[in-house]
Amino acid sequence: APFDQLSLTKPRKLRVQAWVWVPE
């Protein structure tokens, strides 16, 4: 997605959250 469709401002930092299943 283009940034101008996500925010009207320029981000300095993003927060990434998720649930992950790691085998090893």
PDB file of all heavy atoms in Angstrom:
ATOM      1  N   ALA A   1       0.849  -1.197   0.000  1.00  0.00           N
ATOM      2  CA  ALA A   1       0.000   0.000   0.000  1.00  0.00           C
ATOM      3  C   ALA A   1       0.880   1.241   0.000  1.00  0.00           C
ATOM      4  O   ALA A   1       1.885   1.307   0.714  1.00  0.00           O
ATOM      5  CB  ALA A   1      -0.912   0.019   1.227  1.00  0.00           C
ATOM      6  N   PRO A   2       0.529   2.254  -0.798  1.00  0.00           N
ATOM      7  CA  PRO A   2       1.260   3.527  -0.758  1.00  0.00           C
ATOM      8  C   PRO A   2       1.112   4.184   0.608  1.00  0.00           C
ATOM      9  O   PRO A   2       0.053   4.083   1.246  1.00  0.00           O
ATOM     10  CB  PRO A   2       0.579   4.366  -1.847  1.00  0.00           C
ATOM     11  CG  PRO A   2      -0.136   3.385  -2.716  1.00  0.00           C
ATOM     12  CD  PRO A   2      -0.537   2.267  -1.820  1.00  0.00           C
ATOM     13  N   PHE A   3       2.137   4.863   1.047  1.00  0.00           N
ATOM     14  CA  PHE A   3       2.101   5.498   2.363  1.00  0.00           C
ATOM     15  C   PHE A   3       1.000   6.551   2.458  1.00  0.00           C
ATOM     16  O   PHE A   3       0.428   6.746   3.531  1.00  0.00           O
ATOM     17  CB  PHE A   3       3.463   6.131   2.690  1.00  0.00           C
ATOM     18  CG  PHE A   3       4.459   5.158   3.231  1.00  0.00           C
ATOM     19  CD1 PHE A   3       5.377   4.539   2.400  1.00  0.00           C
ATOM     20  CD2 PHE A   3       4.477   4.833   4.583  1.00  0.00           C
ATOM     21  CE1 PHE A   3       6.298   3.623   2.899  1.00  0.00           C
ATOM     22  CE2 PHE A   3       5.391   3.919   5.090  1.00  0.00           C
ATOM     23  CZ  PHE A   3       6.302   3.313   4.252  1.00  0.00           C
ATOM     24  N   ASP A   4       0.695   7.219   1.348  1.00  0.00           N
ATOM     25  CA  ASP A   4      -0.327   8.267   1.430  1.00  0.00           C
ATOM     26  C   ASP A   4      -1.732   7.697   1.606  1.00  0.00           C
ATOM     27  O   ASP A   4      -2.673   8.438   1.884  1.00  0.00           O
ATOM     28  CB  ASP A   4      -0.264   9.198   0.221  1.00  0.00           C
ATOM     29  CG  ASP A   4      -0.554   8.492  -1.102  1.00  0.00           C
ATOM     30  OD1 ASP A   4      -0.825   7.273  -1.083  1.00  0.00           O
ATOM     31  OD2 ASP A   4      -0.515   9.153  -2.147  1.00  0.00           O
ATOM     32  N   GLN A   5      -1.875   6.374   1.453  1.00  0.00           N
ATOM     33  CA  GLN A   5      -3.157   5.730   1.740  1.00  0.00           C
ATOM     34  C   GLN A   5      -3.223   5.189   3.166  1.00  0.00           C
ATOM     35  O   GLN A   5      -4.276   4.735   3.617  1.00  0.00           O
ATOM     36  CB  GLN A   5      -3.409   4.595   0.748  1.00  0.00           C
ATOM     37  CG  GLN A   5      -3.593   5.056  -0.686  1.00  0.00           C
ATOM     38  CD  GLN A   5      -3.883   3.925  -1.640  1.00  0.00           C
ATOM     39  OE1 GLN A   5      -4.217   2.808  -1.224  1.00  0.00           O
ATOM     40  NE2 GLN A   5      -3.745   4.178  -2.932  1.00  0.00           N
ATOM     41  N   LEU A   6      -2.090   5.221   3.850  1.00  0.00           N
ATOM     42  CA  LEU A   6      -2.028   4.712   5.217  1.00  0.00           C
ATOM     43  C   LEU A   6      -1.991   5.822   6.260  1.00  0.00           C
ATOM     44  O   LEU A   6      -2.505   5.668   7.367  1.00  0.00           O
ATOM     45  CB  LEU A   6      -0.786   3.830   5.391  1.00  0.00           C
ATOM     46  CG  LEU A   6      -0.722   2.579   4.508  1.00  0.00           C
ATOM     47  CD1 LEU A   6       0.653   1.940   4.606  1.00  0.00           C
ATOM     48  CD2 LEU A   6      -1.808   1.589   4.909  1.00  0.00           C
ATOM     49  N   SER A   7      -1.354   6.954   5.908  1.00  0.00           N
ATOM     50  CA  SER A   7      -1.172   8.012   6.895  1.00  0.00           C
ATOM     51  C   SER A   7      -0.983   9.349   6.202  1.00  0.00           C
ATOM     52  O   SER A   7      -0.451   9.416   5.090  1.00  0.00           O
ATOM     53  CB  SER A   7       0.043   7.706   7.781  1.00  0.00           C
ATOM     54  OG  SER A   7       0.289   8.744   8.690  1.00  0.00           O
ATOM     55  N   LEU A   8      -1.395  10.420   6.880  1.00  0.00           N
ATOM     56  CA  LEU A   8      -1.167  11.776   6.383  1.00  0.00           C
ATOM     57  C   LEU A   8       0.172  12.320   6.855  1.00  0.00           C
ATOM     58  O   LEU A   8       0.576  13.416   6.478  1.00  0.00           O
ATOM     59  CB  LEU A   8      -2.293  12.705   6.854  1.00  0.00           C
ATOM     60  CG  LEU A   8      -3.697  12.362   6.326  1.00  0.00           C
ATOM     61  CD1 LEU A   8      -4.722  13.303   6.939  1.00  0.00           C
ATOM     62  CD2 LEU A   8      -3.737  12.433   4.813  1.00  0.00           C
ATOM     63  N   THR A   9       0.856  11.569   7.699  1.00  0.00           N
ATOM     64  CA  THR A   9       2.132  12.004   8.246  1.00  0.00           C
ATOM     65  C   THR A   9       3.238  11.019   7.884  1.00  0.00           C
ATOM     66  O   THR A   9       2.972   9.907   7.426  1.00  0.00           O
ATOM     67  CB  THR A   9       2.059  12.135   9.782  1.00  0.00           C
ATOM     68  OG1 THR A   9       1.728  10.850  10.333  1.00  0.00           O
ATOM     69  CG2 THR A   9       1.003  13.148  10.197  1.00  0.00           C
ATOM     70  N   LYS A  10       4.467  11.429   8.101  1.00  0.00           N
ATOM     71  CA  LYS A  10       5.615  10.567   7.809  1.00  0.00           C
ATOM     72  C   LYS A  10       6.049   9.868   9.092  1.00  0.00           C
ATOM     73  O   LYS A  10       6.475  10.522  10.038  1.00  0.00           O
ATOM     74  CB  LYS A  10       6.772  11.390   7.233  1.00  0.00           C
ATOM     75  CG  LYS A  10       7.990  10.516   6.890  1.00  0.00           C
ATOM     76  CD  LYS A  10       9.005  11.274   6.053  1.00  0.00           C
ATOM     77  CE  LYS A  10       9.716  12.354   6.836  1.00  0.00           C
ATOM     78  NZ  LYS A  10      10.828  12.941   6.054  1.00  0.00           N
ATOM     79  N   PRO A  11       5.960   8.546   9.156  1.00  0.00           N
ATOM     80  CA  PRO A  11       6.314   7.838  10.392  1.00  0.00           C
ATOM     81  C   PRO A  11       7.818   7.776  10.610  1.00  0.00           C
ATOM     82  O   PRO A  11       8.588   7.621   9.667  1.00  0.00           O
ATOM     83  CB  PRO A  11       5.741   6.441  10.162  1.00  0.00           C
ATOM     84  CG  PRO A  11       5.832   6.266   8.684  1.00  0.00           C
ATOM     85  CD  PRO A  11       5.540   7.625   8.095  1.00  0.00           C
ATOM     86  N   ARG A  12       8.211   7.898  11.863  1.00  0.00           N
ATOM     87  CA  ARG A  12       9.609   7.674  12.219  1.00  0.00           C
ATOM     88  C   ARG A  12       9.837   6.252  12.712  1.00  0.00           C
ATOM     89  O   ARG A  12      10.927   5.708  12.602  1.00  0.00           O
ATOM     90  CB  ARG A  12      10.031   8.679  13.296  1.00  0.00           C
ATOM     91  CG  ARG A  12      10.212  10.082  12.781  1.00  0.00           C
ATOM     92  CD  ARG A  12      10.665  11.038  13.849  1.00  0.00           C
ATOM     93  NE  ARG A  12       9.589  11.392  14.763  1.00  0.00           N
ATOM     94  CZ  ARG A  12       9.604  12.486  15.528  1.00  0.00           C
ATOM     95  NH1 ARG A  12      10.631  13.302  15.484  1.00  0.00           N
ATOM     96  NH2 ARG A  12       8.600  12.743  16.337  1.00  0.00           N
ATOM     97  N   LYS A  13       8.763   5.660  13.262  1.00  0.00           N
ATOM     98  CA  LYS A  13       8.886   4.321  13.833  1.00  0.00           C
ATOM     99  C   LYS A  13       7.541   3.602  13.715  1.00  0.00           C
ATOM    100  O   LYS A  13       6.491   4.199  13.931  1.00  0.00           O
ATOM    101  CB  LYS A  13       9.292   4.432  15.301  1.00  0.00           C
ATOM    102  CG  LYS A  13       9.582   3.106  15.992  1.00  0.00           C
ATOM    103  CD  LYS A  13       9.792   3.293  17.495  1.00  0.00           C
ATOM    104  CE  LYS A  13      10.959   4.197  17.806  1.00  0.00           C
ATOM    105  NZ  LYS A  13      11.161   4.330  19.270  1.00  0.00           N
ATOM    106  N   LEU A  14       7.590   2.311  13.369  1.00  0.00           N
ATOM    107  CA  LEU A  14       6.403   1.475  13.320  1.00  0.00           C
ATOM    108  C   LEU A  14       6.440   0.449  14.449  1.00  0.00           C
ATOM    109  O   LEU A  14       7.511  -0.010  14.847  1.00  0.00           O
ATOM    110  CB  LEU A  14       6.298   0.742  11.980  1.00  0.00           C
ATOM    111  CG  LEU A  14       6.157   1.586  10.719  1.00  0.00           C
ATOM    112  CD1 LEU A  14       5.990   0.675   9.509  1.00  0.00           C
ATOM    113  CD2 LEU A  14       4.997   2.556  10.820  1.00  0.00           C
ATOM    114  N   ARG A  15       5.258   0.104  14.944  1.00  0.00           N
ATOM    115  CA  ARG A  15       5.134  -0.972  15.918  1.00  0.00           C
ATOM    116  C   ARG A  15       4.534  -2.177  15.214  1.00  0.00           C
ATOM    117  O   ARG A  15       3.492  -2.072  14.570  1.00  0.00           O
ATOM    118  CB  ARG A  15       4.251  -0.545  17.088  1.00  0.00           C
ATOM    119  CG  ARG A  15       4.128  -1.608  18.180  1.00  0.00           C
ATOM    120  CD  ARG A  15       3.230  -1.131  19.300  1.00  0.00           C
ATOM    121  NE  ARG A  15       3.177  -2.107  20.374  1.00  0.00           N
ATOM    122  CZ  ARG A  15       2.381  -2.004  21.442  1.00  0.00           C
ATOM    123  NH1 ARG A  15       1.592  -0.937  21.573  1.00  0.00           N
ATOM    124  NH2 ARG A  15       2.382  -2.942  22.376  1.00  0.00           N
ATOM    125  N   VAL A  16       5.205  -3.313  15.326  1.00  0.00           N
ATOM    126  CA  VAL A  16       4.780  -4.544  14.663  1.00  0.00           C
ATOM    127  C   VAL A  16       4.360  -5.545  15.738  1.00  0.00           C
ATOM    128  O   VAL A  16       5.170  -5.939  16.580  1.00  0.00           O
ATOM    129  CB  VAL A  16       5.919  -5.139  13.819  1.00  0.00           C
ATOM    130  CG1 VAL A  16       5.461  -6.422  13.121  1.00  0.00           C
ATOM    131  CG2 VAL A  16       6.428  -4.124  12.799  1.00  0.00           C
ATOM    132  N   GLN A  17       3.086  -5.936  15.695  1.00  0.00           N
ATOM    133  CA  GLN A  17       2.573  -6.937  16.622  1.00  0.00           C
ATOM    134  C   GLN A  17       1.972  -8.090  15.822  1.00  0.00           C
ATOM    135  O   GLN A  17       1.378  -7.883  14.775  1.00  0.00           O
ATOM    136  CB  GLN A  17       1.505  -6.349  17.532  1.00  0.00           C
ATOM    137  CG  GLN A  17       1.980  -5.194  18.396  1.00  0.00           C
ATOM    138  CD  GLN A  17       0.868  -4.641  19.254  1.00  0.00           C
ATOM    139  OE1 GLN A  17       0.515  -5.209  20.287  1.00  0.00           O
ATOM    140  NE2 GLN A  17       0.299  -3.514  18.831  1.00  0.00           N
ATOM    141  N   ALA A  18       2.132  -9.296  16.341  1.00  0.00           N
ATOM    142  CA  ALA A  18       1.566 -10.474  15.678  1.00  0.00           C
ATOM    143  C   ALA A  18       1.685 -11.656  16.634  1.00  0.00           C
ATOM    144  O   ALA A  18       2.329 -11.572  17.691  1.00  0.00           O
ATOM    145  CB  ALA A  18       2.306 -10.775  14.372  1.00  0.00           C
ATOM    146  N   TRP A  19       1.046 -12.751  16.242  1.00  0.00           N
ATOM    147  CA  TRP A  19       1.240 -14.034  16.917  1.00  0.00           C
ATOM    148  C   TRP A  19       1.969 -14.947  15.946  1.00  0.00           C
ATOM    149  O   TRP A  19       1.576 -15.066  14.780  1.00  0.00           O
ATOM    150  CB  TRP A  19      -0.098 -14.633  17.338  1.00  0.00           C
ATOM    151  CG  TRP A  19      -0.692 -13.900  18.513  1.00  0.00           C
ATOM    152  CD1 TRP A  19      -1.516 -12.806  18.474  1.00  0.00           C
ATOM    153  CD2 TRP A  19      -0.471 -14.195  19.884  1.00  0.00           C
ATOM    154  NE1 TRP A  19      -1.815 -12.398  19.751  1.00  0.00           N
ATOM    155  CE2 TRP A  19      -1.206 -13.234  20.645  1.00  0.00           C
ATOM    156  CE3 TRP A  19       0.258 -15.169  20.570  1.00  0.00           C
ATOM    157  CZ2 TRP A  19      -1.214 -13.231  22.033  1.00  0.00           C
ATOM    158  CZ3 TRP A  19       0.245 -15.165  21.957  1.00  0.00           C
ATOM    159  CH2 TRP A  19      -0.485 -14.217  22.680  1.00  0.00           C
ATOM    160  N   VAL A  20       3.049 -15.562  16.417  1.00  0.00           N
ATOM    161  CA  VAL A  20       3.865 -16.420  15.556  1.00  0.00           C
ATOM    162  C   VAL A  20       4.036 -17.798  16.191  1.00  0.00           C
ATOM    163  O   VAL A  20       4.121 -17.934  17.412  1.00  0.00           O
ATOM    164  CB  VAL A  20       5.244 -15.786  15.271  1.00  0.00           C
ATOM    165  CG1 VAL A  20       5.096 -14.528  14.441  1.00  0.00           C
ATOM    166  CG2 VAL A  20       6.001 -15.476  16.557  1.00  0.00           C
ATOM    167  N   TRP A  21       4.067 -18.788  15.331  1.00  0.00           N
ATOM    168  CA  TRP A  21       4.304 -20.173  15.740  1.00  0.00           C
ATOM    169  C   TRP A  21       5.613 -20.593  15.090  1.00  0.00           C
ATOM    170  O   TRP A  21       5.692 -20.784  13.878  1.00  0.00           O
ATOM    171  CB  TRP A  21       3.157 -21.067  15.268  1.00  0.00           C
ATOM    172  CG  TRP A  21       3.075 -22.423  15.916  1.00  0.00           C
ATOM    173  CD1 TRP A  21       2.273 -22.793  16.961  1.00  0.00           C
ATOM    174  CD2 TRP A  21       3.788 -23.615  15.526  1.00  0.00           C
ATOM    175  NE1 TRP A  21       2.450 -24.126  17.260  1.00  0.00           N
ATOM    176  CE2 TRP A  21       3.376 -24.656  16.385  1.00  0.00           C
ATOM    177  CE3 TRP A  21       4.734 -23.888  14.542  1.00  0.00           C
ATOM    178  CZ2 TRP A  21       3.873 -25.958  16.292  1.00  0.00           C
ATOM    179  CZ3 TRP A  21       5.246 -25.178  14.448  1.00  0.00           C
ATOM    180  CH2 TRP A  21       4.810 -26.194  15.311  1.00  0.00           C
ATOM    181  N   VAL A  22       6.667 -20.681  15.912  1.00  0.00           N
ATOM    182  CA  VAL A  22       8.012 -20.973  15.415  1.00  0.00           C
ATOM    183  C   VAL A  22       8.354 -22.420  15.775  1.00  0.00           C
ATOM    184  O   VAL A  22       8.294 -22.800  16.948  1.00  0.00           O
ATOM    185  CB  VAL A  22       9.054 -20.014  16.028  1.00  0.00           C
ATOM    186  CG1 VAL A  22      10.449 -20.308  15.479  1.00  0.00           C
ATOM    187  CG2 VAL A  22       8.662 -18.564  15.758  1.00  0.00           C
ATOM    188  N   PRO A  23       8.727 -23.245  14.797  1.00  0.00           N
ATOM    189  CA  PRO A  23       8.952 -24.670  15.078  1.00  0.00           C
ATOM    190  C   PRO A  23      10.199 -24.959  15.897  1.00  0.00           C
ATOM    191  O   PRO A  23      10.198 -25.859  16.735  1.00  0.00           O
ATOM    192  CB  PRO A  23       9.039 -25.295  13.683  1.00  0.00           C
ATOM    193  CG  PRO A  23       9.484 -24.175  12.798  1.00  0.00           C
ATOM    194  CD  PRO A  23       8.857 -22.942  13.362  1.00  0.00           C
ATOM    195  N   GLU A  24      11.277 -24.193  15.648  1.00  0.00           N
ATOM    196  CA  GLU A  24      12.514 -24.443  16.390  1.00  0.00           C
ATOM    197  C   GLU A  24      13.398 -23.199  16.337  1.00  0.00           C
ATOM    198  O   GLU A  24      13.202 -22.295  15.524  1.00  0.00           O
ATOM    199  CB  GLU A  24      13.283 -25.650  15.819  1.00  0.00           C
ATOM    200  CG  GLU A  24      13.730 -25.504  14.378  1.00  0.00           C
ATOM    201  CD  GLU A  24      12.712 -26.064  13.410  1.00  0.00           C
ATOM    202  OE1 GLU A  24      12.088 -27.091  13.735  1.00  0.00           O
ATOM    203  OE2 GLU A  24      12.525 -25.480  12.340  1.00  0.00           O
TER     204      GLU A  24
END
